[in-house]
Amino acid sequence: MNTSPLRERLVALIVAAALLFSPPLLLIADRATGTPAWLVAYLFLAWGAVIGLMAWLMEHRHEE
Protein backbone atom coordinates (compact mmCIF):
# COMPACT_ATOMS: atom_id res chain seq x y z
CA MET A 1 0.00 0.00 0.00
CA ASN A 2 1.58 3.23 -1.15
CA THR A 3 -0.05 6.15 0.65
CA SER A 4 1.49 9.51 1.33
CA PRO A 5 2.34 10.60 4.87
CA LEU A 6 0.04 13.60 4.45
CA ARG A 7 -2.92 11.37 3.71
CA GLU A 8 -2.15 9.22 6.75
CA ARG A 9 -1.90 12.28 8.98
CA LEU A 10 -5.17 13.71 7.68
CA VAL A 11 -6.97 10.43 8.33
CA ALA A 12 -5.49 10.33 11.84
CA LEU A 13 -6.67 13.90 12.44
CA ILE A 14 -10.20 13.05 11.30
CA VAL A 15 -10.29 10.04 13.64
CA ALA A 16 -8.98 12.16 16.52
CA ALA A 17 -11.61 14.82 15.81
CA ALA A 18 -14.34 12.19 15.78
CA LEU A 19 -13.13 10.94 19.16
CA LEU A 20 -12.90 14.45 20.60
CA PHE A 21 -16.53 15.13 19.73
CA SER A 22 -17.88 11.72 20.72
CA PRO A 23 -20.68 11.69 23.30
CA PRO A 24 -18.65 10.11 26.16
CA LEU A 25 -16.08 12.92 26.13
CA LEU A 26 -18.77 15.56 25.74
CA LEU A 27 -20.59 14.13 28.76
CA ILE A 28 -17.40 14.26 30.84
CA ALA A 29 -16.94 17.92 29.94
CA ASP A 30 -20.61 18.63 30.57
CA ARG A 31 -20.63 17.03 34.02
CA ALA A 32 -17.41 18.64 35.27
CA THR A 33 -17.81 20.42 38.57
CA GLY A 34 -17.20 24.12 38.91
CA THR A 35 -18.42 26.58 36.37
CA PRO A 36 -21.11 25.49 33.92
CA ALA A 37 -19.06 26.73 30.96
CA TRP A 38 -16.74 23.69 30.82
CA LEU A 39 -18.62 22.21 27.88
CA VAL A 40 -18.43 25.46 25.94
CA ALA A 41 -14.72 25.85 26.70
CA TYR A 42 -14.04 22.22 25.74
CA LEU A 43 -15.88 22.56 22.44
CA PHE A 44 -14.16 25.85 21.62
CA LEU A 45 -10.66 24.56 22.42
CA ALA A 46 -11.13 21.19 20.73
CA TRP A 47 -12.55 22.76 17.57
CA GLY A 48 -9.76 25.32 17.51
CA ALA A 49 -7.15 22.58 17.89
CA VAL A 50 -8.64 20.58 15.01
CA ILE A 51 -8.73 23.64 12.75
CA GLY A 52 -5.20 24.64 13.74
CA LEU A 53 -3.80 21.17 13.11
CA MET A 54 -5.57 20.92 9.76
CA ALA A 55 -4.18 24.28 8.68
CA TRP A 56 -0.70 23.31 9.82
CA LEU A 57 -0.85 20.00 7.94
CA MET A 58 -2.07 21.62 4.74
CA GLU A 59 0.53 24.41 4.89
CA HIS A 60 3.43 22.01 5.36
CA ARG A 61 2.43 19.52 2.70
CA HIS A 62 4.94 20.92 0.19
CA GLU A 63 7.87 19.80 2.35
CA GLU A 64 7.23 16.10 1.73
PDB file of N, CA and C in Angstrom:
ATOM      1  N   MET A   1       0.851  -1.172   0.000  1.00  0.00           N
ATOM      2  CA  MET A   1       0.000   0.000   0.000  1.00  0.00           C
ATOM      3  C   MET A   1       0.894   1.231   0.000  1.00  0.00           C
ATOM      4  N   ASN A   2       0.724   2.061  -0.991  1.00  0.00           N
ATOM      5  CA  ASN A   2       1.580   3.228  -1.150  1.00  0.00           C
ATOM      6  C   ASN A   2       0.761   4.495  -0.920  1.00  0.00           C
ATOM      7  N   THR A   3       0.677   4.921   0.338  1.00  0.00           N
ATOM      8  CA  THR A   3      -0.052   6.146   0.654  1.00  0.00           C
ATOM      9  C   THR A   3       0.936   7.196   1.143  1.00  0.00           C
ATOM     10  N   SER A   4       0.601   8.429   0.921  1.00  0.00           N
ATOM     11  CA  SER A   4       1.485   9.512   1.330  1.00  0.00           C
ATOM     12  C   SER A   4       1.356   9.756   2.837  1.00  0.00           C
ATOM     13  N   PRO A   5       2.411  10.271   3.445  1.00  0.00           N
ATOM     14  CA  PRO A   5       2.340  10.597   4.872  1.00  0.00           C
ATOM     15  C   PRO A   5       1.277  11.657   5.174  1.00  0.00           C
ATOM     16  N   LEU A   6       1.060  12.581   4.241  1.00  0.00           N
ATOM     17  CA  LEU A   6       0.040  13.604   4.450  1.00  0.00           C
ATOM     18  C   LEU A   6      -1.340  12.969   4.561  1.00  0.00           C
ATOM     19  N   ARG A   7      -1.620  12.031   3.677  1.00  0.00           N
ATOM     20  CA  ARG A   7      -2.923  11.371   3.713  1.00  0.00           C
ATOM     21  C   ARG A   7      -3.117  10.614   5.029  1.00  0.00           C
ATOM     22  N   GLU A   8      -2.069   9.946   5.491  1.00  0.00           N
ATOM     23  CA  GLU A   8      -2.152   9.219   6.751  1.00  0.00           C
ATOM     24  C   GLU A   8      -2.387  10.167   7.917  1.00  0.00           C
ATOM     25  N   ARG A   9      -1.723  11.305   7.899  1.00  0.00           N
ATOM     26  CA  ARG A   9      -1.903  12.277   8.978  1.00  0.00           C
ATOM     27  C   ARG A   9      -3.296  12.897   8.959  1.00  0.00           C
ATOM     28  N   LEU A  10      -3.823  13.152   7.777  1.00  0.00           N
ATOM     29  CA  LEU A  10      -5.173  13.710   7.685  1.00  0.00           C
ATOM     30  C   LEU A  10      -6.216  12.719   8.176  1.00  0.00           C
ATOM     31  N   VAL A  11      -6.041  11.452   7.837  1.00  0.00           N
ATOM     32  CA  VAL A  11      -6.972  10.427   8.328  1.00  0.00           C
ATOM     33  C   VAL A  11      -6.880  10.326   9.848  1.00  0.00           C
ATOM     34  N   ALA A  12      -5.659  10.377  10.393  1.00  0.00           N
ATOM     35  CA  ALA A  12      -5.487  10.332  11.841  1.00  0.00           C
ATOM     36  C   ALA A  12      -6.134  11.543  12.512  1.00  0.00           C
ATOM     37  N   LEU A  13      -6.046  12.698  11.886  1.00  0.00           N
ATOM     38  CA  LEU A  13      -6.670  13.896  12.441  1.00  0.00           C
ATOM     39  C   LEU A  13      -8.188  13.785  12.430  1.00  0.00           C
ATOM     40  N   ILE A  14      -8.739  13.229  11.379  1.00  0.00           N
ATOM     41  CA  ILE A  14     -10.198  13.052  11.304  1.00  0.00           C
ATOM     42  C   ILE A  14     -10.673  12.078  12.383  1.00  0.00           C
ATOM     43  N   VAL A  15      -9.927  11.004  12.593  1.00  0.00           N
ATOM     44  CA  VAL A  15     -10.288  10.043  13.640  1.00  0.00           C
ATOM     45  C   VAL A  15     -10.187  10.695  15.016  1.00  0.00           C
ATOM     46  N   ALA A  16      -9.124  11.464  15.235  1.00  0.00           N
ATOM     47  CA  ALA A  16      -8.976  12.159  16.521  1.00  0.00           C
ATOM     48  C   ALA A  16     -10.104  13.163  16.738  1.00  0.00           C
ATOM     49  N   ALA A  17     -10.503  13.873  15.686  1.00  0.00           N
ATOM     50  CA  ALA A  17     -11.614  14.824  15.806  1.00  0.00           C
ATOM     51  C   ALA A  17     -12.917  14.103  16.128  1.00  0.00           C
ATOM     52  N   ALA A  18     -13.127  12.962  15.491  1.00  0.00           N
ATOM     53  CA  ALA A  18     -14.342  12.188  15.782  1.00  0.00           C
ATOM     54  C   ALA A  18     -14.355  11.725  17.235  1.00  0.00           C
ATOM     55  N   LEU A  19     -13.195  11.348  17.752  1.00  0.00           N
ATOM     56  CA  LEU A  19     -13.125  10.935  19.156  1.00  0.00           C
ATOM     57  C   LEU A  19     -13.304  12.115  20.102  1.00  0.00           C
ATOM     58  N   LEU A  20     -12.751  13.271  19.744  1.00  0.00           N
ATOM     59  CA  LEU A  20     -12.897  14.454  20.596  1.00  0.00           C
ATOM     60  C   LEU A  20     -14.352  14.879  20.750  1.00  0.00           C
ATOM     61  N   PHE A  21     -15.133  14.692  19.694  1.00  0.00           N
ATOM     62  CA  PHE A  21     -16.527  15.130  19.728  1.00  0.00           C
ATOM     63  C   PHE A  21     -17.502  13.974  19.932  1.00  0.00           C
ATOM     64  N   SER A  22     -17.009  12.849  20.444  1.00  0.00           N
ATOM     65  CA  SER A  22     -17.883  11.719  20.721  1.00  0.00           C
ATOM     66  C   SER A  22     -18.665  11.994  22.016  1.00  0.00           C
ATOM     67  N   PRO A  23     -19.843  11.423  22.125  1.00  0.00           N
ATOM     68  CA  PRO A  23     -20.681  11.693  23.303  1.00  0.00           C
ATOM     69  C   PRO A  23     -20.037  11.390  24.658  1.00  0.00           C
ATOM     70  N   PRO A  24     -19.235  10.320  24.826  1.00  0.00           N
ATOM     71  CA  PRO A  24     -18.649  10.109  26.156  1.00  0.00           C
ATOM     72  C   PRO A  24     -17.744  11.262  26.619  1.00  0.00           C
ATOM     73  N   LEU A  25     -16.927  11.798  25.730  1.00  0.00           N
ATOM     74  CA  LEU A  25     -16.075  12.916  26.133  1.00  0.00           C
ATOM     75  C   LEU A  25     -16.883  14.192  26.334  1.00  0.00           C
ATOM     76  N   LEU A  26     -17.919  14.377  25.545  1.00  0.00           N
ATOM     77  CA  LEU A  26     -18.768  15.556  25.743  1.00  0.00           C
ATOM     78  C   LEU A  26     -19.501  15.477  27.081  1.00  0.00           C
ATOM     79  N   LEU A  27     -19.920  14.276  27.473  1.00  0.00           N
ATOM     80  CA  LEU A  27     -20.594  14.129  28.764  1.00  0.00           C
ATOM     81  C   LEU A  27     -19.635  14.384  29.920  1.00  0.00           C
ATOM     82  N   ILE A  28     -18.384  13.975  29.790  1.00  0.00           N
ATOM     83  CA  ILE A  28     -17.397  14.256  30.839  1.00  0.00           C
ATOM     84  C   ILE A  28     -17.214  15.759  30.987  1.00  0.00           C
ATOM     85  N   ALA A  29     -17.100  16.472  29.875  1.00  0.00           N
ATOM     86  CA  ALA A  29     -16.936  17.922  29.941  1.00  0.00           C
ATOM     87  C   ALA A  29     -18.204  18.599  30.449  1.00  0.00           C
ATOM     88  N   ASP A  30     -19.346  18.034  30.150  1.00  0.00           N
ATOM     89  CA  ASP A  30     -20.610  18.629  30.574  1.00  0.00           C
ATOM     90  C   ASP A  30     -20.847  18.436  32.072  1.00  0.00           C
ATOM     91  N   ARG A  31     -20.373  17.338  32.619  1.00  0.00           N
ATOM     92  CA  ARG A  31     -20.625  17.033  34.025  1.00  0.00           C
ATOM     93  C   ARG A  31     -19.508  17.487  34.951  1.00  0.00           C
ATOM     94  N   ALA A  32     -18.519  18.184  34.431  1.00  0.00           N
ATOM     95  CA  ALA A  32     -17.410  18.644  35.266  1.00  0.00           C
ATOM     96  C   ALA A  32     -17.926  19.634  36.301  1.00  0.00           C
ATOM     97  N   THR A  33     -17.377  19.523  37.509  1.00  0.00           N
ATOM     98  CA  THR A  33     -17.807  20.424  38.575  1.00  0.00           C
ATOM     99  C   THR A  33     -17.153  21.786  38.396  1.00  0.00           C
ATOM    100  N   GLY A  34     -17.725  22.748  39.014  1.00  0.00           N
ATOM    101  CA  GLY A  34     -17.200  24.116  38.906  1.00  0.00           C
ATOM    102  C   GLY A  34     -18.146  24.964  38.088  1.00  0.00           C
ATOM    103  N   THR A  35     -17.590  25.694  37.182  1.00  0.00           N
ATOM    104  CA  THR A  35     -18.417  26.583  36.374  1.00  0.00           C
ATOM    105  C   THR A  35     -19.170  25.778  35.310  1.00  0.00           C
ATOM    106  N   PRO A  36     -20.335  26.226  34.928  1.00  0.00           N
ATOM    107  CA  PRO A  36     -21.108  25.490  33.921  1.00  0.00           C
ATOM    108  C   PRO A  36     -20.588  25.668  32.498  1.00  0.00           C
ATOM    109  N   ALA A  37     -19.557  26.460  32.315  1.00  0.00           N
ATOM    110  CA  ALA A  37     -19.065  26.734  30.964  1.00  0.00           C
ATOM    111  C   ALA A  37     -17.979  25.762  30.517  1.00  0.00           C
ATOM    112  N   TRP A  38     -17.769  24.649  31.216  1.00  0.00           N
ATOM    113  CA  TRP A  38     -16.738  23.690  30.817  1.00  0.00           C
ATOM    114  C   TRP A  38     -17.016  23.096  29.453  1.00  0.00           C
ATOM    115  N   LEU A  39     -18.267  22.797  29.175  1.00  0.00           N
ATOM    116  CA  LEU A  39     -18.617  22.211  27.880  1.00  0.00           C
ATOM    117  C   LEU A  39     -18.331  23.204  26.749  1.00  0.00           C
ATOM    118  N   VAL A  40     -18.678  24.442  26.950  1.00  0.00           N
ATOM    119  CA  VAL A  40     -18.434  25.464  25.936  1.00  0.00           C
ATOM    120  C   VAL A  40     -16.933  25.644  25.728  1.00  0.00           C
ATOM    121  N   ALA A  41     -16.176  25.700  26.804  1.00  0.00           N
ATOM    122  CA  ALA A  41     -14.724  25.851  26.697  1.00  0.00           C
ATOM    123  C   ALA A  41     -14.101  24.638  26.012  1.00  0.00           C
ATOM    124  N   TYR A  42     -14.559  23.439  26.368  1.00  0.00           N
ATOM    125  CA  TYR A  42     -14.036  22.224  25.743  1.00  0.00           C
ATOM    126  C   TYR A  42     -14.307  22.226  24.240  1.00  0.00           C
ATOM    127  N   LEU A  43     -15.532  22.539  23.857  1.00  0.00           N
ATOM    128  CA  LEU A  43     -15.880  22.559  22.439  1.00  0.00           C
ATOM    129  C   LEU A  43     -15.068  23.610  21.683  1.00  0.00           C
ATOM    130  N   PHE A  44     -14.913  24.787  22.264  1.00  0.00           N
ATOM    131  CA  PHE A  44     -14.157  25.852  21.619  1.00  0.00           C
ATOM    132  C   PHE A  44     -12.694  25.464  21.444  1.00  0.00           C
ATOM    133  N   LEU A  45     -12.069  24.937  22.487  1.00  0.00           N
ATOM    134  CA  LEU A  45     -10.656  24.563  22.416  1.00  0.00           C
ATOM    135  C   LEU A  45     -10.420  23.362  21.509  1.00  0.00           C
ATOM    136  N   ALA A  46     -11.299  22.371  21.577  1.00  0.00           N
ATOM    137  CA  ALA A  46     -11.131  21.186  20.729  1.00  0.00           C
ATOM    138  C   ALA A  46     -11.318  21.552  19.256  1.00  0.00           C
ATOM    139  N   TRP A  47     -12.312  22.357  18.960  1.00  0.00           N
ATOM    140  CA  TRP A  47     -12.554  22.756  17.569  1.00  0.00           C
ATOM    141  C   TRP A  47     -11.405  23.623  17.058  1.00  0.00           C
ATOM    142  N   GLY A  48     -10.905  24.505  17.889  1.00  0.00           N
ATOM    143  CA  GLY A  48      -9.763  25.322  17.508  1.00  0.00           C
ATOM    144  C   GLY A  48      -8.513  24.483  17.261  1.00  0.00           C
ATOM    145  N   ALA A  49      -8.307  23.462  18.074  1.00  0.00           N
ATOM    146  CA  ALA A  49      -7.152  22.582  17.886  1.00  0.00           C
ATOM    147  C   ALA A  49      -7.259  21.809  16.576  1.00  0.00           C
ATOM    148  N   VAL A  50      -8.448  21.326  16.262  1.00  0.00           N
ATOM    149  CA  VAL A  50      -8.642  20.580  15.010  1.00  0.00           C
ATOM    150  C   VAL A  50      -8.393  21.500  13.804  1.00  0.00           C
ATOM    151  N   ILE A  51      -8.929  22.703  13.850  1.00  0.00           N
ATOM    152  CA  ILE A  51      -8.735  23.645  12.746  1.00  0.00           C
ATOM    153  C   ILE A  51      -7.261  24.027  12.629  1.00  0.00           C
ATOM    154  N   GLY A  52      -6.613  24.283  13.761  1.00  0.00           N
ATOM    155  CA  GLY A  52      -5.203  24.638  13.739  1.00  0.00           C
ATOM    156  C   GLY A  52      -4.323  23.522  13.197  1.00  0.00           C
ATOM    157  N   LEU A  53      -4.575  22.294  13.617  1.00  0.00           N
ATOM    158  CA  LEU A  53      -3.796  21.167  13.114  1.00  0.00           C
ATOM    159  C   LEU A  53      -4.040  20.930  11.628  1.00  0.00           C
ATOM    160  N   MET A  54      -5.273  21.091  11.190  1.00  0.00           N
ATOM    161  CA  MET A  54      -5.575  20.915   9.764  1.00  0.00           C
ATOM    162  C   MET A  54      -4.855  21.980   8.933  1.00  0.00           C
ATOM    163  N   ALA A  55      -4.875  23.209   9.401  1.00  0.00           N
ATOM    164  CA  ALA A  55      -4.181  24.276   8.679  1.00  0.00           C
ATOM    165  C   ALA A  55      -2.678  24.024   8.648  1.00  0.00           C
ATOM    166  N   TRP A  56      -2.128  23.583   9.772  1.00  0.00           N
ATOM    167  CA  TRP A  56      -0.696  23.308   9.821  1.00  0.00           C
ATOM    168  C   TRP A  56      -0.324  22.166   8.876  1.00  0.00           C
ATOM    169  N   LEU A  57      -1.128  21.115   8.845  1.00  0.00           N
ATOM    170  CA  LEU A  57      -0.850  19.999   7.938  1.00  0.00           C
ATOM    171  C   LEU A  57      -0.927  20.425   6.480  1.00  0.00           C
ATOM    172  N   MET A  58      -1.911  21.227   6.139  1.00  0.00           N
ATOM    173  CA  MET A  58      -2.066  21.624   4.741  1.00  0.00           C
ATOM    174  C   MET A  58      -0.991  22.625   4.318  1.00  0.00           C
ATOM    175  N   GLU A  59      -0.509  23.451   5.228  1.00  0.00           N
ATOM    176  CA  GLU A  59       0.532  24.413   4.885  1.00  0.00           C
ATOM    177  C   GLU A  59       1.891  23.750   4.712  1.00  0.00           C
ATOM    178  N   HIS A  60       2.136  22.670   5.416  1.00  0.00           N
ATOM    179  CA  HIS A  60       3.428  22.010   5.360  1.00  0.00           C
ATOM    180  C   HIS A  60       3.439  20.801   4.444  1.00  0.00           C
ATOM    181  N   ARG A  61       2.475  20.682   3.579  1.00  0.00           N
ATOM    182  CA  ARG A  61       2.427  19.518   2.697  1.00  0.00           C
ATOM    183  C   ARG A  61       3.475  19.590   1.588  1.00  0.00           C
ATOM    184  N   HIS A  62       3.969  20.778   1.263  1.00  0.00           N
ATOM    185  CA  HIS A  62       4.944  20.918   0.188  1.00  0.00           C
ATOM    186  C   HIS A  62       6.332  20.432   0.588  1.00  0.00           C
ATOM    187  N   GLU A  63       6.556  20.225   1.885  1.00  0.00           N
ATOM    188  CA  GLU A  63       7.870  19.800   2.349  1.00  0.00           C
ATOM    189  C   GLU A  63       8.103  18.307   2.160  1.00  0.00           C
ATOM    190  N   GLU A  64       7.076  17.553   1.859  1.00  0.00           N
ATOM    191  CA  GLU A  64       7.226  16.101   1.729  1.00  0.00           C
ATOM    192  C   GLU A  64       7.449  15.696   0.310  1.00  0.00           C
TER     193      GLU A  64
END
